[in-house]
Amino acid sequence: MSETANLKEEVKDAVAKVNAEASEMKTQEPKEKQIDPFTEVTRLLEYGFGDLEMDLDAFGTQIDERVKTIQEDELIKGKITKITKDEVYVDIGFKSHGIIPRSELLNAETYATGEEVDVFVDKMEDRYGRLILSRRRADFMRIWEDIITLHDKSEVTKVKILRRIKGGMVVDLLGIEAFLPGSQIDVRPVRDFDEWVGKNIDVRVVFCRDDSGKISFKIKKKT
């Protein structure tokens, strides 16, 4: 084959290769344009955006207005955002999420992300700077509010006698243990206190007081 013929074949092969590559490129989806952050910032500065300034004090004020003002010993509602082996994280609308330690959870409860729960603000800041919440104390405070209502309205409620102790009986009042004096169990003198264990009786809350965080109340059998 002559030199001219060889050259024609090489040109023919090259043209075929170019056409094949062009055809392949047409069938491919166009690649997304990649934006270089440095180039983009430079472009914004060139158009005058570099003169923008943020008033940090005003911005902080807006944030403060959007979050709740809370304090210790407060009962508040929040939403569970994260659950770990030892802690439950709760959003209460404050600047930071609150944490319920495992020791402050209720054993009978199960928890799920997104669930709303009542929590008690135990510490605004522990030694690690964390906001500490409690489910146990929240549950007790809810019961305490119900006890106050029973007292204020002089309503009758049913309790279960759990066990005998010196001077009377321990009863279950709305889920918490309360003391019922032996003299208040029945209108007649009680000779065998043990036979009352496990029974349900109607009682009234006759005394109720909260002094500087110390809660006390008394109950007596309905007469």
Protein backbone atom coordinates (compact mmCIF):
# COMPACT_ATOMS: atom_id res chain seq x y z
CA MET A 1 0.00 0.00 0.00
CA SER A 2 1.31 3.44 -0.97
CA GLU A 3 2.14 6.15 1.55
CA THR A 4 -0.84 8.20 0.32
CA ALA A 5 -3.20 5.31 0.87
CA ASN A 6 -1.89 4.81 4.41
CA LEU A 7 -2.44 8.47 5.21
CA LYS A 8 -6.02 8.29 3.93
CA GLU A 9 -6.70 5.28 6.17
CA GLU A 10 -5.29 7.07 9.23
CA VAL A 11 -7.43 10.14 8.55
CA LYS A 12 -10.48 7.94 8.05
CA ASP A 13 -9.87 6.15 11.34
CA ALA A 14 -9.34 9.45 13.18
CA VAL A 15 -12.59 10.91 11.80
CA ALA A 16 -14.49 7.76 12.81
CA LYS A 17 -13.06 7.96 16.33
CA VAL A 18 -14.04 11.62 16.71
CA ASN A 19 -17.57 10.92 15.46
CA ALA A 20 -17.91 8.03 17.92
CA GLU A 21 -16.79 10.18 20.86
CA ALA A 22 -19.15 12.97 19.81
CA SER A 23 -22.06 10.53 19.62
CA GLU A 24 -21.24 9.16 23.08
CA MET A 25 -21.12 12.66 24.59
CA LYS A 26 -24.61 13.41 23.24
CA THR A 27 -26.08 10.43 25.08
CA GLN A 28 -24.49 11.35 28.42
CA GLU A 29 -26.33 13.56 30.91
CA PRO A 30 -24.71 16.96 31.35
CA LYS A 31 -22.61 17.21 34.49
CA GLU A 32 -23.73 19.59 37.21
CA LYS A 33 -21.70 22.73 37.23
CA GLN A 34 -19.31 22.78 40.16
CA ILE A 35 -19.08 26.07 42.01
CA ASP A 36 -15.81 27.00 43.62
CA PRO A 37 -16.64 28.68 46.98
CA PHE A 38 -13.67 31.04 46.79
CA THR A 39 -14.62 32.13 43.29
CA GLU A 40 -18.24 32.67 44.33
CA VAL A 41 -17.29 34.81 47.33
CA THR A 42 -14.93 36.84 45.14
CA ARG A 43 -17.77 37.43 42.67
CA LEU A 44 -20.08 38.65 45.44
CA LEU A 45 -17.44 41.02 46.74
CA GLU A 46 -16.95 42.44 43.25
CA TYR A 47 -20.67 43.25 43.12
CA GLY A 48 -20.56 45.20 46.37
CA PHE A 49 -21.83 42.62 48.87
CA GLY A 50 -18.70 43.08 50.92
CA ASP A 51 -20.21 46.19 52.53
CA LEU A 52 -22.87 44.13 54.35
CA GLU A 53 -22.50 44.12 58.15
CA MET A 54 -24.39 42.15 60.81
CA ASP A 55 -25.54 43.82 64.01
CA LEU A 56 -24.67 41.00 66.41
CA ASP A 57 -26.36 42.67 69.39
CA ALA A 58 -29.63 43.05 67.48
CA PHE A 59 -29.35 39.49 66.22
CA GLY A 60 -28.82 38.20 69.77
CA THR A 61 -31.84 40.16 70.97
CA GLN A 62 -34.01 38.56 68.30
CA ILE A 63 -32.83 35.11 69.37
CA ASP A 64 -33.57 35.88 73.04
CA GLU A 65 -37.08 37.00 72.11
CA ARG A 66 -37.72 33.71 70.31
CA VAL A 67 -36.66 31.39 73.13
CA LYS A 68 -38.57 30.73 76.32
CA THR A 69 -37.59 32.17 79.65
CA ILE A 70 -37.39 29.30 82.10
CA GLN A 71 -36.17 28.84 85.65
CA GLU A 72 -35.35 26.03 88.03
CA ASP A 73 -38.18 24.14 89.78
CA GLU A 74 -40.50 24.82 86.84
CA LEU A 75 -42.79 22.30 85.17
CA ILE A 76 -42.66 22.64 81.39
CA LYS A 77 -43.55 20.71 78.24
CA GLY A 78 -40.93 19.65 75.69
CA LYS A 79 -40.33 17.38 72.70
CA ILE A 80 -37.88 14.46 72.66
CA THR A 81 -35.21 14.94 69.98
CA LYS A 82 -32.68 12.22 70.77
CA ILE A 83 -32.45 9.07 72.88
CA THR A 84 -29.22 7.43 73.99
CA LYS A 85 -28.40 4.62 76.39
CA ASP A 86 -27.99 6.95 79.36
CA GLU A 87 -29.85 10.15 78.45
CA VAL A 88 -32.89 11.59 76.71
CA TYR A 89 -32.54 14.96 74.95
CA VAL A 90 -35.56 17.28 75.05
CA ASP A 91 -36.26 20.52 73.19
CA ILE A 92 -38.09 22.88 75.56
CA GLY A 93 -37.72 25.98 73.40
CA PHE A 94 -34.65 27.19 75.27
CA LYS A 95 -31.24 28.16 73.88
CA SER A 96 -29.97 24.63 74.41
CA HIS A 97 -31.61 21.23 74.64
CA GLY A 98 -32.31 19.81 78.08
CA ILE A 99 -31.08 16.40 79.19
CA ILE A 100 -32.96 13.83 81.26
CA PRO A 101 -30.46 11.46 82.91
CA ARG A 102 -31.45 7.80 83.05
CA SER A 103 -31.89 8.07 86.83
CA GLU A 104 -34.60 10.73 86.35
CA LEU A 105 -36.72 8.70 83.91
CA LEU A 106 -39.85 6.82 84.91
CA ASN A 107 -39.25 3.08 84.82
CA ALA A 108 -42.74 2.29 83.55
CA GLU A 109 -42.50 4.67 80.59
CA THR A 110 -41.18 4.12 77.08
CA TYR A 111 -39.91 7.05 75.04
CA ALA A 112 -39.79 7.88 71.33
CA THR A 113 -38.25 10.67 69.28
CA GLY A 114 -40.80 13.40 68.55
CA GLU A 115 -42.91 12.56 71.61
CA GLU A 116 -44.04 15.42 73.87
CA VAL A 117 -43.36 15.03 77.59
CA ASP A 118 -43.76 17.06 80.77
CA VAL A 119 -40.40 17.74 82.42
CA PHE A 120 -39.22 19.42 85.60
CA VAL A 121 -36.33 21.89 85.35
CA ASP A 122 -33.92 20.47 87.92
CA LYS A 123 -30.74 22.46 87.17
CA MET A 124 -30.22 25.30 84.74
CA GLU A 125 -26.57 24.33 84.50
CA ASP A 126 -24.68 21.40 85.97
CA ARG A 127 -20.89 21.25 86.29
CA TYR A 128 -20.66 20.42 82.58
CA GLY A 129 -22.87 23.35 81.59
CA ARG A 130 -25.86 21.16 80.71
CA LEU A 131 -29.54 21.91 81.36
CA ILE A 132 -30.79 19.03 83.53
CA LEU A 133 -34.43 17.91 83.45
CA SER A 134 -36.39 15.29 85.39
CA ARG A 135 -39.36 13.11 84.49
CA ARG A 136 -39.68 11.74 88.02
CA ARG A 137 -40.11 15.15 89.61
CA ALA A 138 -42.38 16.28 86.78
CA ASP A 139 -44.66 13.33 87.49
CA PHE A 140 -44.62 14.08 91.21
CA MET A 141 -45.44 17.76 90.63
CA ARG A 142 -48.38 16.78 88.45
CA ILE A 143 -49.65 14.51 91.23
CA TRP A 144 -49.05 17.26 93.79
CA GLU A 145 -51.25 19.62 91.78
CA ASP A 146 -53.99 16.96 91.78
CA ILE A 147 -53.63 16.58 95.56
CA ILE A 148 -54.02 20.34 96.00
CA THR A 149 -57.21 20.18 93.93
CA LEU A 150 -58.55 17.33 96.07
CA HIS A 151 -57.86 19.36 99.19
CA ASP A 152 -59.27 22.65 97.91
CA LYS A 153 -62.48 21.01 96.70
CA SER A 154 -62.71 18.60 99.64
CA GLU A 155 -63.18 15.76 97.17
CA VAL A 156 -63.19 12.08 98.06
CA THR A 157 -60.62 9.81 96.40
CA LYS A 158 -59.86 6.11 96.67
CA VAL A 159 -56.53 4.80 98.01
CA LYS A 160 -55.10 1.31 98.39
CA ILE A 161 -53.52 0.27 101.69
CA LEU A 162 -50.04 -1.06 100.90
CA ARG A 163 -48.50 -2.03 104.23
CA ARG A 164 -48.51 -1.48 107.95
CA ILE A 165 -45.94 0.72 109.70
CA LYS A 166 -45.64 2.15 113.19
CA GLY A 167 -48.59 4.41 113.94
CA GLY A 168 -50.63 3.59 110.86
CA MET A 169 -50.62 2.44 107.26
CA VAL A 170 -48.87 3.34 104.02
CA VAL A 171 -51.35 3.89 101.19
CA ASP A 172 -51.12 4.54 97.45
CA LEU A 173 -52.50 8.02 96.77
CA LEU A 174 -52.55 8.85 93.03
CA GLY A 175 -49.38 6.84 92.50
CA ILE A 176 -47.34 8.09 95.46
CA GLU A 177 -47.05 6.68 98.96
CA ALA A 178 -48.83 8.53 101.76
CA PHE A 179 -49.28 7.94 105.48
CA LEU A 180 -52.70 7.18 106.93
CA PRO A 181 -52.79 7.35 110.76
CA GLY A 182 -54.12 4.21 112.42
CA SER A 183 -56.81 6.24 114.14
CA GLN A 184 -58.18 7.33 110.74
CA ILE A 185 -58.62 3.87 109.22
CA ASP A 186 -62.05 3.20 110.66
CA VAL A 187 -64.60 4.86 112.91
CA ARG A 188 -64.22 1.91 115.26
CA PRO A 189 -60.95 0.95 116.97
CA VAL A 190 -58.86 -1.31 114.73
CA ARG A 191 -57.53 -4.42 116.44
CA ASP A 192 -55.87 -6.14 113.48
CA PHE A 193 -54.18 -3.68 111.11
CA ASP A 194 -52.80 -6.44 108.91
CA GLU A 195 -56.26 -7.43 107.70
CA TRP A 196 -56.59 -4.00 106.09
CA VAL A 197 -53.54 -4.45 103.85
CA GLY A 198 -54.59 -4.66 100.18
CA LYS A 199 -57.99 -3.04 100.76
CA ASN A 200 -59.25 0.10 99.01
CA ILE A 201 -60.83 2.85 101.09
CA ASP A 202 -62.21 6.32 100.42
CA VAL A 203 -60.28 9.25 101.93
CA ARG A 204 -60.11 13.03 101.93
CA VAL A 205 -57.01 15.24 101.93
CA VAL A 206 -57.47 17.30 105.11
CA PHE A 207 -54.14 19.15 105.13
CA CYS A 208 -51.92 20.33 102.29
CA ARG A 209 -48.91 22.65 102.37
CA ASP A 210 -45.78 23.50 100.40
CA ASP A 211 -43.18 25.35 102.49
CA SER A 212 -39.99 26.30 100.63
CA GLY A 213 -40.06 23.17 98.53
CA LYS A 214 -41.01 20.88 101.43
CA ILE A 215 -44.34 19.25 100.61
CA SER A 216 -46.57 17.78 103.29
CA PHE A 217 -50.19 16.66 103.48
CA LYS A 218 -52.51 14.54 105.62
CA ILE A 219 -55.41 12.29 104.71
CA LYS A 220 -58.22 10.73 106.69
CA LYS A 221 -60.82 8.10 105.94
CA LYS A 222 -64.12 9.37 104.62
CA THR A 223 -66.77 9.38 107.32
